[in-house]
Amino acid sequence: MGGVEDVEPVSIERIIFLGPPGAGKGTQAGRLAAERRIVRVSTGDMLRDAIAEGTPVGRQAAPHIDKGDLVPDDLLIDMVGERIRQSDCANGYILDGFPRTLRQAQGLEAMGGGPPSGFLVFDVEVPREELLKRLSGRRWCPTCQSTYHVDKNPPTRAGLCNLDSTPLIQREDDKKVAVARRLAEYDERTKPLIGYYRDRSRFHTIDGYRPADVVFGDLVTILEAGR
Protein backbone atom coordinates (compact mmCIF):
# COMPACT_ATOMS: atom_id res chain seq x y z
CA MET A 1 0.00 0.00 0.00
CA GLY A 2 1.64 3.13 -1.22
CA GLY A 3 5.12 1.63 -0.74
CA VAL A 4 8.05 2.36 -2.94
CA GLU A 5 7.48 -0.92 -4.72
CA ASP A 6 4.08 0.34 -5.93
CA VAL A 7 5.53 3.36 -7.75
CA GLU A 8 5.92 2.85 -11.48
CA PRO A 9 9.35 3.81 -12.82
CA VAL A 10 9.57 6.94 -14.96
CA SER A 11 10.19 6.15 -18.64
CA ILE A 12 13.32 7.93 -19.84
CA GLU A 13 13.50 8.42 -23.60
CA ARG A 14 16.93 9.20 -25.02
CA ILE A 15 16.85 9.50 -28.79
CA ILE A 16 19.55 10.17 -31.37
CA PHE A 17 18.88 11.24 -34.97
CA LEU A 18 21.51 10.23 -37.52
CA GLY A 19 21.48 10.91 -41.26
CA PRO A 20 23.05 13.25 -43.79
CA PRO A 21 22.48 17.01 -43.92
CA GLY A 22 19.10 17.74 -45.51
CA ALA A 23 17.49 14.46 -44.49
CA GLY A 24 14.89 16.25 -42.36
CA LYS A 25 16.30 15.27 -38.97
CA GLY A 26 15.69 18.68 -37.40
CA THR A 27 12.06 18.81 -38.51
CA GLN A 28 11.30 15.33 -37.22
CA ALA A 29 13.25 15.84 -33.98
CA GLY A 30 11.26 19.00 -33.26
CA ARG A 31 7.92 17.32 -33.92
CA LEU A 32 8.82 14.28 -31.88
CA ALA A 33 10.02 16.39 -28.97
CA ALA A 34 6.70 18.25 -28.92
CA GLU A 35 4.67 15.05 -29.23
CA ARG A 36 6.59 13.23 -26.47
CA ARG A 37 7.00 16.37 -24.34
CA ILE A 38 10.72 15.97 -23.94
CA VAL A 39 13.61 18.31 -24.67
CA ARG A 40 15.12 18.65 -28.12
CA VAL A 41 18.85 19.37 -27.84
CA SER A 42 19.87 20.92 -31.16
CA THR A 43 23.56 21.73 -31.43
CA GLY A 44 22.86 23.92 -34.47
CA ASP A 45 20.41 26.10 -32.54
CA MET A 46 22.67 26.19 -29.49
CA LEU A 47 25.67 27.30 -31.52
CA ARG A 48 23.71 30.00 -33.37
CA ASP A 49 22.38 31.34 -30.07
CA ALA A 50 25.86 31.25 -28.51
CA ILE A 51 27.33 33.18 -31.44
CA ALA A 52 24.52 35.76 -31.40
CA GLU A 53 24.94 36.26 -27.64
CA GLY A 54 28.72 36.39 -27.82
CA THR A 55 29.24 33.67 -25.20
CA PRO A 56 32.67 32.01 -24.76
CA VAL A 57 31.41 28.97 -26.70
CA GLY A 58 30.08 31.24 -29.42
CA ARG A 59 33.39 33.09 -29.75
CA GLN A 60 35.27 29.81 -30.07
CA ALA A 61 32.79 28.31 -32.56
CA ALA A 62 32.25 31.33 -34.81
CA PRO A 63 35.56 31.18 -36.76
CA HIS A 64 34.96 27.52 -37.61
CA ILE A 65 31.37 28.10 -38.73
CA ASP A 66 32.31 31.21 -40.72
CA LYS A 67 34.77 29.11 -42.74
CA GLY A 68 32.27 26.29 -43.15
CA ASP A 69 34.38 23.97 -41.02
CA LEU A 70 33.17 21.54 -38.37
CA VAL A 71 33.19 22.75 -34.78
CA PRO A 72 35.83 20.84 -32.73
CA ASP A 73 34.58 17.71 -31.00
CA ASP A 74 35.69 18.77 -27.51
CA LEU A 75 33.77 22.04 -27.73
CA LEU A 76 30.56 20.27 -28.73
CA ILE A 77 31.02 17.54 -26.13
CA ASP A 78 31.36 20.13 -23.37
CA MET A 79 28.37 22.11 -24.63
CA VAL A 80 26.06 19.09 -24.93
CA GLY A 81 27.26 17.62 -21.64
CA GLU A 82 26.36 20.81 -19.81
CA ARG A 83 22.95 20.88 -21.50
CA ILE A 84 21.83 17.31 -20.80
CA ARG A 85 22.78 17.64 -17.14
CA GLN A 86 20.10 20.32 -16.71
CA SER A 87 16.95 19.34 -14.84
CA ASP A 88 14.61 19.51 -17.86
CA CYS A 89 16.52 16.61 -19.45
CA ALA A 90 16.05 14.31 -16.46
CA ASN A 91 13.21 12.38 -18.11
CA GLY A 92 14.76 12.25 -21.55
CA TYR A 93 15.92 14.26 -24.54
CA ILE A 94 16.30 14.12 -28.29
CA LEU A 95 19.75 14.82 -29.74
CA ASP A 96 19.64 16.66 -33.07
CA GLY A 97 23.04 17.20 -34.67
CA PHE A 98 25.02 15.27 -32.07
CA PRO A 99 26.92 13.00 -32.09
CA ARG A 100 28.46 13.44 -35.53
CA THR A 101 31.74 11.61 -34.96
CA LEU A 102 32.86 8.53 -33.07
CA ARG A 103 34.75 10.84 -30.70
CA GLN A 104 31.50 12.64 -29.91
CA ALA A 105 29.65 9.35 -29.41
CA GLN A 106 32.27 8.26 -26.91
CA GLY A 107 32.07 11.67 -25.25
CA LEU A 108 28.31 11.26 -24.90
CA GLU A 109 28.80 8.02 -22.99
CA ALA A 110 31.48 9.54 -20.77
CA MET A 111 29.43 12.65 -19.93
CA GLY A 112 26.67 10.59 -18.35
CA GLY A 113 24.54 9.78 -21.35
CA GLY A 114 25.04 6.11 -20.60
CA PRO A 115 25.84 3.17 -22.87
CA PRO A 116 24.50 3.05 -26.46
CA SER A 117 22.03 0.34 -25.43
CA GLY A 118 20.05 3.02 -23.59
CA PHE A 119 19.45 5.04 -26.76
CA LEU A 120 16.89 4.76 -29.52
CA VAL A 121 18.68 5.69 -32.75
CA PHE A 122 16.93 6.77 -35.95
CA ASP A 123 19.05 6.81 -39.10
CA VAL A 124 17.13 8.92 -41.63
CA GLU A 125 18.20 8.13 -45.21
CA VAL A 126 17.50 10.18 -48.35
CA PRO A 127 18.99 9.81 -51.89
CA ARG A 128 22.00 12.06 -52.53
CA GLU A 129 20.43 13.92 -55.47
CA GLU A 130 17.44 14.87 -53.33
CA LEU A 131 19.72 16.06 -50.53
CA LEU A 132 21.49 18.43 -52.93
CA LYS A 133 18.14 19.93 -54.00
CA ARG A 134 16.89 20.28 -50.44
CA LEU A 135 20.00 21.95 -49.08
CA SER A 136 20.81 24.34 -51.91
CA GLY A 137 17.19 25.54 -51.99
CA ARG A 138 16.98 26.47 -48.32
CA ARG A 139 16.60 30.07 -47.22
CA TRP A 140 16.79 31.43 -43.67
CA CYS A 141 15.53 34.45 -41.74
CA PRO A 142 18.41 35.87 -39.67
CA THR A 143 15.95 37.62 -37.35
CA CYS A 144 13.54 34.88 -36.24
CA GLN A 145 15.44 31.87 -37.68
CA SER A 146 12.45 30.65 -39.70
CA THR A 147 13.43 28.45 -42.63
CA TYR A 148 12.00 28.27 -46.14
CA HIS A 149 12.68 26.45 -49.40
CA VAL A 150 12.54 28.08 -52.81
CA ASP A 151 10.49 25.20 -54.24
CA LYS A 152 8.84 23.28 -51.40
CA ASN A 153 8.12 26.01 -48.85
CA PRO A 154 8.56 29.46 -50.43
CA PRO A 155 7.66 32.62 -48.49
CA THR A 156 4.44 34.44 -49.36
CA ARG A 157 6.44 37.40 -50.66
CA ALA A 158 9.53 36.44 -52.63
CA GLY A 159 12.69 36.77 -50.60
CA LEU A 160 10.99 38.03 -47.42
CA CYS A 161 10.18 36.26 -44.16
CA ASN A 162 6.46 35.72 -43.59
CA LEU A 163 6.75 36.60 -39.90
CA ASP A 164 8.83 39.78 -39.83
CA SER A 165 9.53 40.74 -43.49
CA THR A 166 13.28 40.37 -43.00
CA PRO A 167 15.12 39.65 -46.26
CA LEU A 168 15.93 35.94 -46.41
CA ILE A 169 19.47 34.74 -46.92
CA GLN A 170 21.15 31.59 -48.12
CA ARG A 171 23.55 30.39 -45.47
CA GLU A 172 27.11 29.87 -46.56
CA ASP A 173 26.86 26.16 -45.72
CA ASP A 174 23.78 25.80 -47.97
CA LYS A 175 25.56 27.00 -51.11
CA LYS A 176 26.34 24.28 -53.64
CA VAL A 177 30.08 24.07 -53.06
CA ALA A 178 29.59 23.98 -49.30
CA VAL A 179 26.78 21.41 -49.62
CA ALA A 180 29.04 19.06 -51.57
CA ARG A 181 31.72 19.47 -48.90
CA ARG A 182 29.24 18.86 -46.07
CA LEU A 183 28.03 15.63 -47.67
CA ALA A 184 31.61 14.45 -48.19
CA GLU A 185 32.36 15.21 -44.54
CA TYR A 186 29.28 13.25 -43.53
CA ASP A 187 30.48 10.22 -45.51
CA GLU A 188 33.91 10.41 -43.89
CA ARG A 189 33.14 11.42 -40.29
CA THR A 190 29.51 10.67 -39.47
CA LYS A 191 28.53 7.63 -41.53
CA PRO A 192 30.74 5.35 -39.37
CA LEU A 193 28.32 6.06 -36.52
CA ILE A 194 25.73 3.93 -38.32
CA GLY A 195 27.91 0.86 -37.86
CA TYR A 196 28.75 1.89 -34.31
CA TYR A 197 25.14 2.19 -33.19
CA ARG A 198 23.57 -0.54 -35.34
CA ASP A 199 24.70 -3.34 -33.03
CA ARG A 200 24.86 -1.34 -29.80
CA SER A 201 21.51 0.47 -29.59
CA ARG A 202 17.86 0.16 -30.53
CA PHE A 203 18.59 1.09 -34.12
CA HIS A 204 16.10 1.84 -36.91
CA THR A 205 16.74 2.94 -40.50
CA ILE A 206 14.04 5.38 -41.64
CA ASP A 207 13.19 6.16 -45.27
CA GLY A 208 13.24 9.97 -45.27
CA TYR A 209 12.34 10.22 -48.96
CA ARG A 210 8.61 10.35 -48.18
CA PRO A 211 6.14 13.00 -46.99
CA ALA A 212 7.13 14.37 -43.56
CA ASP A 213 3.85 13.20 -41.97
CA VAL A 214 4.47 9.62 -43.12
CA VAL A 215 8.01 9.66 -41.73
CA PHE A 216 6.75 11.07 -38.44
CA GLY A 217 4.09 8.38 -38.22
CA ASP A 218 6.80 5.71 -38.47
CA LEU A 219 8.81 7.32 -35.67
CA VAL A 220 5.81 7.44 -33.35
CA THR A 221 4.86 3.84 -34.14
CA ILE A 222 8.35 2.64 -33.26
CA LEU A 223 8.37 4.61 -30.02
CA GLU A 224 4.95 3.39 -28.94
CA ALA A 225 5.94 -0.20 -29.68
CA GLY A 226 8.90 0.22 -27.34
CA ARG A 227 11.33 -1.16 -29.90
C-alpha atoms as a PDB file:
ATOM      1  CA  MET A   1       0.000   0.000   0.000  1.00  0.00           C
ATOM      2  CA  GLY A   2       1.638   3.133  -1.225  1.00  0.00           C
ATOM      3  CA  GLY A   3       5.115   1.630  -0.739  1.00  0.00           C
ATOM      4  CA  VAL A   4       8.048   2.361  -2.935  1.00  0.00           C
ATOM      5  CA  GLU A   5       7.484  -0.924  -4.722  1.00  0.00           C
ATOM      6  CA  ASP A   6       4.082   0.341  -5.930  1.00  0.00           C
ATOM      7  CA  VAL A   7       5.528   3.355  -7.749  1.00  0.00           C
ATOM      8  CA  GLU A   8       5.919   2.853 -11.481  1.00  0.00           C
ATOM      9  CA  PRO A   9       9.353   3.808 -12.818  1.00  0.00           C
ATOM     10  CA  VAL A  10       9.574   6.935 -14.960  1.00  0.00           C
ATOM     11  CA  SER A  11      10.191   6.145 -18.636  1.00  0.00           C
ATOM     12  CA  ILE A  12      13.324   7.926 -19.845  1.00  0.00           C
ATOM     13  CA  GLU A  13      13.503   8.421 -23.599  1.00  0.00           C
ATOM     14  CA  ARG A  14      16.928   9.200 -25.023  1.00  0.00           C
ATOM     15  CA  ILE A  15      16.847   9.499 -28.789  1.00  0.00           C
ATOM     16  CA  ILE A  16      19.546  10.168 -31.375  1.00  0.00           C
ATOM     17  CA  PHE A  17      18.885  11.236 -34.969  1.00  0.00           C
ATOM     18  CA  LEU A  18      21.511  10.234 -37.524  1.00  0.00           C
ATOM     19  CA  GLY A  19      21.479  10.908 -41.256  1.00  0.00           C
ATOM     20  CA  PRO A  20      23.046  13.250 -43.794  1.00  0.00           C
ATOM     21  CA  PRO A  21      22.478  17.013 -43.925  1.00  0.00           C
ATOM     22  CA  GLY A  22      19.098  17.739 -45.507  1.00  0.00           C
ATOM     23  CA  ALA A  23      17.486  14.458 -44.488  1.00  0.00           C
ATOM     24  CA  GLY A  24      14.892  16.251 -42.362  1.00  0.00           C
ATOM     25  CA  LYS A  25      16.295  15.271 -38.970  1.00  0.00           C
ATOM     26  CA  GLY A  26      15.690  18.679 -37.403  1.00  0.00           C
ATOM     27  CA  THR A  27      12.058  18.809 -38.508  1.00  0.00           C
ATOM     28  CA  GLN A  28      11.303  15.327 -37.220  1.00  0.00           C
ATOM     29  CA  ALA A  29      13.246  15.844 -33.985  1.00  0.00           C
ATOM     30  CA  GLY A  30      11.256  19.002 -33.261  1.00  0.00           C
ATOM     31  CA  ARG A  31       7.916  17.322 -33.918  1.00  0.00           C
ATOM     32  CA  LEU A  32       8.817  14.281 -31.877  1.00  0.00           C
ATOM     33  CA  ALA A  33      10.024  16.391 -28.966  1.00  0.00           C
ATOM     34  CA  ALA A  34       6.703  18.248 -28.919  1.00  0.00           C
ATOM     35  CA  GLU A  35       4.666  15.047 -29.225  1.00  0.00           C
ATOM     36  CA  ARG A  36       6.587  13.225 -26.473  1.00  0.00           C
ATOM     37  CA  ARG A  37       7.001  16.372 -24.338  1.00  0.00           C
ATOM     38  CA  ILE A  38      10.718  15.965 -23.938  1.00  0.00           C
ATOM     39  CA  VAL A  39      13.605  18.308 -24.675  1.00  0.00           C
ATOM     40  CA  ARG A  40      15.121  18.649 -28.124  1.00  0.00           C
ATOM     41  CA  VAL A  41      18.850  19.367 -27.843  1.00  0.00           C
ATOM     42  CA  SER A  42      19.870  20.923 -31.158  1.00  0.00           C
ATOM     43  CA  THR A  43      23.559  21.727 -31.431  1.00  0.00           C
ATOM     44  CA  GLY A  44      22.863  23.925 -34.467  1.00  0.00           C
ATOM     45  CA  ASP A  45      20.408  26.098 -32.537  1.00  0.00           C
ATOM     46  CA  MET A  46      22.665  26.186 -29.490  1.00  0.00           C
ATOM     47  CA  LEU A  47      25.668  27.298 -31.524  1.00  0.00           C
ATOM     48  CA  ARG A  48      23.714  29.998 -33.372  1.00  0.00           C
ATOM     49  CA  ASP A  49      22.381  31.341 -30.074  1.00  0.00           C
ATOM     50  CA  ALA A  50      25.855  31.247 -28.507  1.00  0.00           C
ATOM     51  CA  ILE A  51      27.335  33.184 -31.442  1.00  0.00           C
ATOM     52  CA  ALA A  52      24.523  35.758 -31.396  1.00  0.00           C
ATOM     53  CA  GLU A  53      24.939  36.260 -27.641  1.00  0.00           C
ATOM     54  CA  GLY A  54      28.721  36.388 -27.817  1.00  0.00           C
ATOM     55  CA  THR A  55      29.240  33.672 -25.200  1.00  0.00           C
ATOM     56  CA  PRO A  56      32.671  32.008 -24.760  1.00  0.00           C
ATOM     57  CA  VAL A  57      31.409  28.972 -26.699  1.00  0.00           C
ATOM     58  CA  GLY A  58      30.078  31.242 -29.424  1.00  0.00           C
ATOM     59  CA  ARG A  59      33.385  33.085 -29.752  1.00  0.00           C
ATOM     60  CA  GLN A  60      35.266  29.806 -30.073  1.00  0.00           C
ATOM     61  CA  ALA A  61      32.791  28.308 -32.557  1.00  0.00           C
ATOM     62  CA  ALA A  62      32.249  31.334 -34.812  1.00  0.00           C
ATOM     63  CA  PRO A  63      35.556  31.181 -36.762  1.00  0.00           C
ATOM     64  CA  HIS A  64      34.964  27.519 -37.615  1.00  0.00           C
ATOM     65  CA  ILE A  65      31.372  28.100 -38.730  1.00  0.00           C
ATOM     66  CA  ASP A  66      32.312  31.214 -40.724  1.00  0.00           C
ATOM     67  CA  LYS A  67      34.766  29.107 -42.738  1.00  0.00           C
ATOM     68  CA  GLY A  68      32.267  26.287 -43.152  1.00  0.00           C
ATOM     69  CA  ASP A  69      34.375  23.970 -41.016  1.00  0.00           C
ATOM     70  CA  LEU A  70      33.171  21.539 -38.367  1.00  0.00           C
ATOM     71  CA  VAL A  71      33.188  22.751 -34.779  1.00  0.00           C
ATOM     72  CA  PRO A  72      35.826  20.845 -32.732  1.00  0.00           C
ATOM     73  CA  ASP A  73      34.585  17.710 -30.999  1.00  0.00           C
ATOM     74  CA  ASP A  74      35.687  18.772 -27.514  1.00  0.00           C
ATOM     75  CA  LEU A  75      33.775  22.044 -27.726  1.00  0.00           C
ATOM     76  CA  LEU A  76      30.560  20.270 -28.734  1.00  0.00           C
ATOM     77  CA  ILE A  77      31.019  17.539 -26.132  1.00  0.00           C
ATOM     78  CA  ASP A  78      31.361  20.134 -23.371  1.00  0.00           C
ATOM     79  CA  MET A  79      28.365  22.111 -24.635  1.00  0.00           C
ATOM     80  CA  VAL A  80      26.058  19.090 -24.932  1.00  0.00           C
ATOM     81  CA  GLY A  81      27.259  17.622 -21.641  1.00  0.00           C
ATOM     82  CA  GLU A  82      26.359  20.812 -19.812  1.00  0.00           C
ATOM     83  CA  ARG A  83      22.946  20.881 -21.499  1.00  0.00           C
ATOM     84  CA  ILE A  84      21.835  17.310 -20.802  1.00  0.00           C
ATOM     85  CA  ARG A  85      22.776  17.644 -17.143  1.00  0.00           C
ATOM     86  CA  GLN A  86      20.103  20.319 -16.709  1.00  0.00           C
ATOM     87  CA  SER A  87      16.952  19.339 -14.842  1.00  0.00           C
ATOM     88  CA  ASP A  88      14.606  19.510 -17.860  1.00  0.00           C
ATOM     89  CA  CYS A  89      16.524  16.613 -19.450  1.00  0.00           C
ATOM     90  CA  ALA A  90      16.049  14.310 -16.455  1.00  0.00           C
ATOM     91  CA  ASN A  91      13.205  12.378 -18.115  1.00  0.00           C
ATOM     92  CA  GLY A  92      14.758  12.251 -21.555  1.00  0.00           C
ATOM     93  CA  TYR A  93      15.921  14.260 -24.536  1.00  0.00           C
ATOM     94  CA  ILE A  94      16.300  14.118 -28.295  1.00  0.00           C
ATOM     95  CA  LEU A  95      19.745  14.818 -29.744  1.00  0.00           C
ATOM     96  CA  ASP A  96      19.643  16.659 -33.066  1.00  0.00           C
ATOM     97  CA  GLY A  97      23.045  17.199 -34.672  1.00  0.00           C
ATOM     98  CA  PHE A  98      25.018  15.273 -32.074  1.00  0.00           C
ATOM     99  CA  PRO A  99      26.923  13.004 -32.093  1.00  0.00           C
ATOM    100  CA  ARG A 100      28.460  13.442 -35.528  1.00  0.00           C
ATOM    101  CA  THR A 101      31.735  11.613 -34.957  1.00  0.00           C
ATOM    102  CA  LEU A 102      32.863   8.527 -33.072  1.00  0.00           C
ATOM    103  CA  ARG A 103      34.755  10.837 -30.700  1.00  0.00           C
ATOM    104  CA  GLN A 104      31.496  12.642 -29.912  1.00  0.00           C
ATOM    105  CA  ALA A 105      29.651   9.346 -29.407  1.00  0.00           C
ATOM    106  CA  GLN A 106      32.274   8.262 -26.912  1.00  0.00           C
ATOM    107  CA  GLY A 107      32.068  11.665 -25.252  1.00  0.00           C
ATOM    108  CA  LEU A 108      28.306  11.261 -24.903  1.00  0.00           C
ATOM    109  CA  GLU A 109      28.801   8.024 -22.992  1.00  0.00           C
ATOM    110  CA  ALA A 110      31.481   9.545 -20.767  1.00  0.00           C
ATOM    111  CA  MET A 111      29.430  12.650 -19.927  1.00  0.00           C
ATOM    112  CA  GLY A 112      26.667  10.590 -18.345  1.00  0.00           C
ATOM    113  CA  GLY A 113      24.538   9.780 -21.347  1.00  0.00           C
ATOM    114  CA  GLY A 114      25.043   6.114 -20.595  1.00  0.00           C
ATOM    115  CA  PRO A 115      25.840   3.171 -22.868  1.00  0.00           C
ATOM    116  CA  PRO A 116      24.502   3.045 -26.456  1.00  0.00           C
ATOM    117  CA  SER A 117      22.027   0.339 -25.425  1.00  0.00           C
ATOM    118  CA  GLY A 118      20.051   3.021 -23.587  1.00  0.00           C
ATOM    119  CA  PHE A 119      19.452   5.037 -26.761  1.00  0.00           C
ATOM    120  CA  LEU A 120      16.888   4.758 -29.520  1.00  0.00           C
ATOM    121  CA  VAL A 121      18.677   5.694 -32.751  1.00  0.00           C
ATOM    122  CA  PHE A 122      16.927   6.766 -35.947  1.00  0.00           C
ATOM    123  CA  ASP A 123      19.055   6.809 -39.099  1.00  0.00           C
ATOM    124  CA  VAL A 124      17.127   8.922 -41.632  1.00  0.00           C
ATOM    125  CA  GLU A 125      18.198   8.127 -45.209  1.00  0.00           C
ATOM    126  CA  VAL A 126      17.498  10.178 -48.349  1.00  0.00           C
ATOM    127  CA  PRO A 127      18.994   9.807 -51.891  1.00  0.00           C
ATOM    128  CA  ARG A 128      22.000  12.060 -52.528  1.00  0.00           C
ATOM    129  CA  GLU A 129      20.432  13.920 -55.474  1.00  0.00           C
ATOM    130  CA  GLU A 130      17.440  14.868 -53.330  1.00  0.00           C
ATOM    131  CA  LEU A 131      19.717  16.061 -50.530  1.00  0.00           C
ATOM    132  CA  LEU A 132      21.490  18.429 -52.927  1.00  0.00           C
ATOM    133  CA  LYS A 133      18.140  19.929 -54.001  1.00  0.00           C
ATOM    134  CA  ARG A 134      16.887  20.278 -50.444  1.00  0.00           C
ATOM    135  CA  LEU A 135      20.002  21.947 -49.080  1.00  0.00           C
ATOM    136  CA  SER A 136      20.808  24.337 -51.910  1.00  0.00           C
ATOM    137  CA  GLY A 137      17.190  25.542 -51.992  1.00  0.00           C
ATOM    138  CA  ARG A 138      16.985  26.466 -48.316  1.00  0.00           C
ATOM    139  CA  ARG A 139      16.601  30.074 -47.216  1.00  0.00           C
ATOM    140  CA  TRP A 140      16.795  31.428 -43.673  1.00  0.00           C
ATOM    141  CA  CYS A 141      15.531  34.448 -41.738  1.00  0.00           C
ATOM    142  CA  PRO A 142      18.413  35.865 -39.665  1.00  0.00           C
ATOM    143  CA  THR A 143      15.951  37.624 -37.351  1.00  0.00           C
ATOM    144  CA  CYS A 144      13.539  34.876 -36.244  1.00  0.00           C
ATOM    145  CA  GLN A 145      15.440  31.874 -37.676  1.00  0.00           C
ATOM    146  CA  SER A 146      12.452  30.650 -39.698  1.00  0.00           C
ATOM    147  CA  THR A 147      13.432  28.454 -42.625  1.00  0.00           C
ATOM    148  CA  TYR A 148      11.997  28.269 -46.137  1.00  0.00           C
ATOM    149  CA  HIS A 149      12.680  26.451 -49.397  1.00  0.00           C
ATOM    150  CA  VAL A 150      12.535  28.083 -52.805  1.00  0.00           C
ATOM    151  CA  ASP A 151      10.486  25.203 -54.241  1.00  0.00           C
ATOM    152  CA  LYS A 152       8.841  23.277 -51.403  1.00  0.00           C
ATOM    153  CA  ASN A 153       8.123  26.008 -48.852  1.00  0.00           C
ATOM    154  CA  PRO A 154       8.559  29.457 -50.428  1.00  0.00           C
ATOM    155  CA  PRO A 155       7.661  32.623 -48.490  1.00  0.00           C
ATOM    156  CA  THR A 156       4.442  34.436 -49.362  1.00  0.00           C
ATOM    157  CA  ARG A 157       6.440  37.399 -50.664  1.00  0.00           C
ATOM    158  CA  ALA A 158       9.528  36.436 -52.634  1.00  0.00           C
ATOM    159  CA  GLY A 159      12.690  36.771 -50.601  1.00  0.00           C
ATOM    160  CA  LEU A 160      10.994  38.032 -47.418  1.00  0.00           C
ATOM    161  CA  CYS A 161      10.180  36.262 -44.157  1.00  0.00           C
ATOM    162  CA  ASN A 162       6.457  35.718 -43.589  1.00  0.00           C
ATOM    163  CA  LEU A 163       6.746  36.597 -39.898  1.00  0.00           C
ATOM    164  CA  ASP A 164       8.832  39.779 -39.828  1.00  0.00           C
ATOM    165  CA  SER A 165       9.529  40.745 -43.485  1.00  0.00           C
ATOM    166  CA  THR A 166      13.277  40.371 -43.002  1.00  0.00           C
ATOM    167  CA  PRO A 167      15.122  39.645 -46.262  1.00  0.00           C
ATOM    168  CA  LEU A 168      15.931  35.943 -46.406  1.00  0.00           C
ATOM    169  CA  ILE A 169      19.467  34.735 -46.917  1.00  0.00           C
ATOM    170  CA  GLN A 170      21.149  31.589 -48.118  1.00  0.00           C
ATOM    171  CA  ARG A 171      23.546  30.391 -45.471  1.00  0.00           C
ATOM    172  CA  GLU A 172      27.112  29.868 -46.561  1.00  0.00           C
ATOM    173  CA  ASP A 173      26.858  26.162 -45.719  1.00  0.00           C
ATOM    174  CA  ASP A 174      23.785  25.795 -47.966  1.00  0.00           C
ATOM    175  CA  LYS A 175      25.555  27.001 -51.109  1.00  0.00           C
ATOM    176  CA  LYS A 176      26.339  24.278 -53.643  1.00  0.00           C
ATOM    177  CA  VAL A 177      30.078  24.075 -53.060  1.00  0.00           C
ATOM    178  CA  ALA A 178      29.586  23.980 -49.302  1.00  0.00           C
ATOM    179  CA  VAL A 179      26.781  21.407 -49.617  1.00  0.00           C
ATOM    180  CA  ALA A 180      29.039  19.059 -51.569  1.00  0.00           C
ATOM    181  CA  ARG A 181      31.723  19.471 -48.902  1.00  0.00           C
ATOM    182  CA  ARG A 182      29.244  18.859 -46.070  1.00  0.00           C
ATOM    183  CA  LEU A 183      28.033  15.631 -47.669  1.00  0.00           C
ATOM    184  CA  ALA A 184      31.609  14.450 -48.192  1.00  0.00           C
ATOM    185  CA  GLU A 185      32.360  15.212 -44.540  1.00  0.00           C
ATOM    186  CA  TYR A 186      29.284  13.246 -43.529  1.00  0.00           C
ATOM    187  CA  ASP A 187      30.483  10.224 -45.509  1.00  0.00           C
ATOM    188  CA  GLU A 188      33.915  10.414 -43.886  1.00  0.00           C
ATOM    189  CA  ARG A 189      33.143  11.417 -40.291  1.00  0.00           C
ATOM    190  CA  THR A 190      29.508  10.668 -39.473  1.00  0.00           C
ATOM    191  CA  LYS A 191      28.535   7.628 -41.528  1.00  0.00           C
ATOM    192  CA  PRO A 192      30.744   5.348 -39.373  1.00  0.00           C
ATOM    193  CA  LEU A 193      28.316   6.057 -36.517  1.00  0.00           C
ATOM    194  CA  ILE A 194      25.733   3.928 -38.319  1.00  0.00           C
ATOM    195  CA  GLY A 195      27.915   0.856 -37.863  1.00  0.00           C
ATOM    196  CA  TYR A 196      28.748   1.887 -34.315  1.00  0.00           C
ATOM    197  CA  TYR A 197      25.137   2.191 -33.188  1.00  0.00           C
ATOM    198  CA  ARG A 198      23.572  -0.537 -35.338  1.00  0.00           C
ATOM    199  CA  ASP A 199      24.699  -3.337 -33.027  1.00  0.00           C
ATOM    200  CA  ARG A 200      24.859  -1.338 -29.801  1.00  0.00           C
ATOM    201  CA  SER A 201      21.512   0.466 -29.591  1.00  0.00           C
ATOM    202  CA  ARG A 202      17.855   0.160 -30.531  1.00  0.00           C
ATOM    203  CA  PHE A 203      18.588   1.089 -34.122  1.00  0.00           C
ATOM    204  CA  HIS A 204      16.101   1.835 -36.913  1.00  0.00           C
ATOM    205  CA  THR A 205      16.745   2.944 -40.498  1.00  0.00           C
ATOM    206  CA  ILE A 206      14.044   5.381 -41.636  1.00  0.00           C
ATOM    207  CA  ASP A 207      13.195   6.163 -45.268  1.00  0.00           C
ATOM    208  CA  GLY A 208      13.240   9.967 -45.273  1.00  0.00           C
ATOM    209  CA  TYR A 209      12.337  10.220 -48.959  1.00  0.00           C
ATOM    210  CA  ARG A 210       8.615  10.349 -48.177  1.00  0.00           C
ATOM    211  CA  PRO A 211       6.144  13.003 -46.987  1.00  0.00           C
ATOM    212  CA  ALA A 212       7.131  14.373 -43.560  1.00  0.00           C
ATOM    213  CA  ASP A 213       3.854  13.201 -41.975  1.00  0.00           C
ATOM    214  CA  VAL A 214       4.472   9.616 -43.119  1.00  0.00           C
ATOM    215  CA  VAL A 215       8.013   9.657 -41.726  1.00  0.00           C
ATOM    216  CA  PHE A 216       6.755  11.072 -38.439  1.00  0.00           C
ATOM    217  CA  GLY A 217       4.094   8.376 -38.218  1.00  0.00           C
ATOM    218  CA  ASP A 218       6.795   5.706 -38.474  1.00  0.00           C
ATOM    219  CA  LEU A 219       8.807   7.317 -35.673  1.00  0.00           C
ATOM    220  CA  VAL A 220       5.811   7.445 -33.349  1.00  0.00           C
ATOM    221  CA  THR A 221       4.860   3.844 -34.143  1.00  0.00           C
ATOM    222  CA  ILE A 222       8.352   2.640 -33.262  1.00  0.00           C
ATOM    223  CA  LEU A 223       8.374   4.611 -30.021  1.00  0.00           C
ATOM    224  CA  GLU A 224       4.945   3.395 -28.943  1.00  0.00           C
ATOM    225  CA  ALA A 225       5.945  -0.198 -29.680  1.00  0.00           C
ATOM    226  CA  GLY A 226       8.899   0.218 -27.336  1.00  0.00           C
ATOM    227  CA  ARG A 227      11.332  -1.159 -29.897  1.00  0.00           C
END
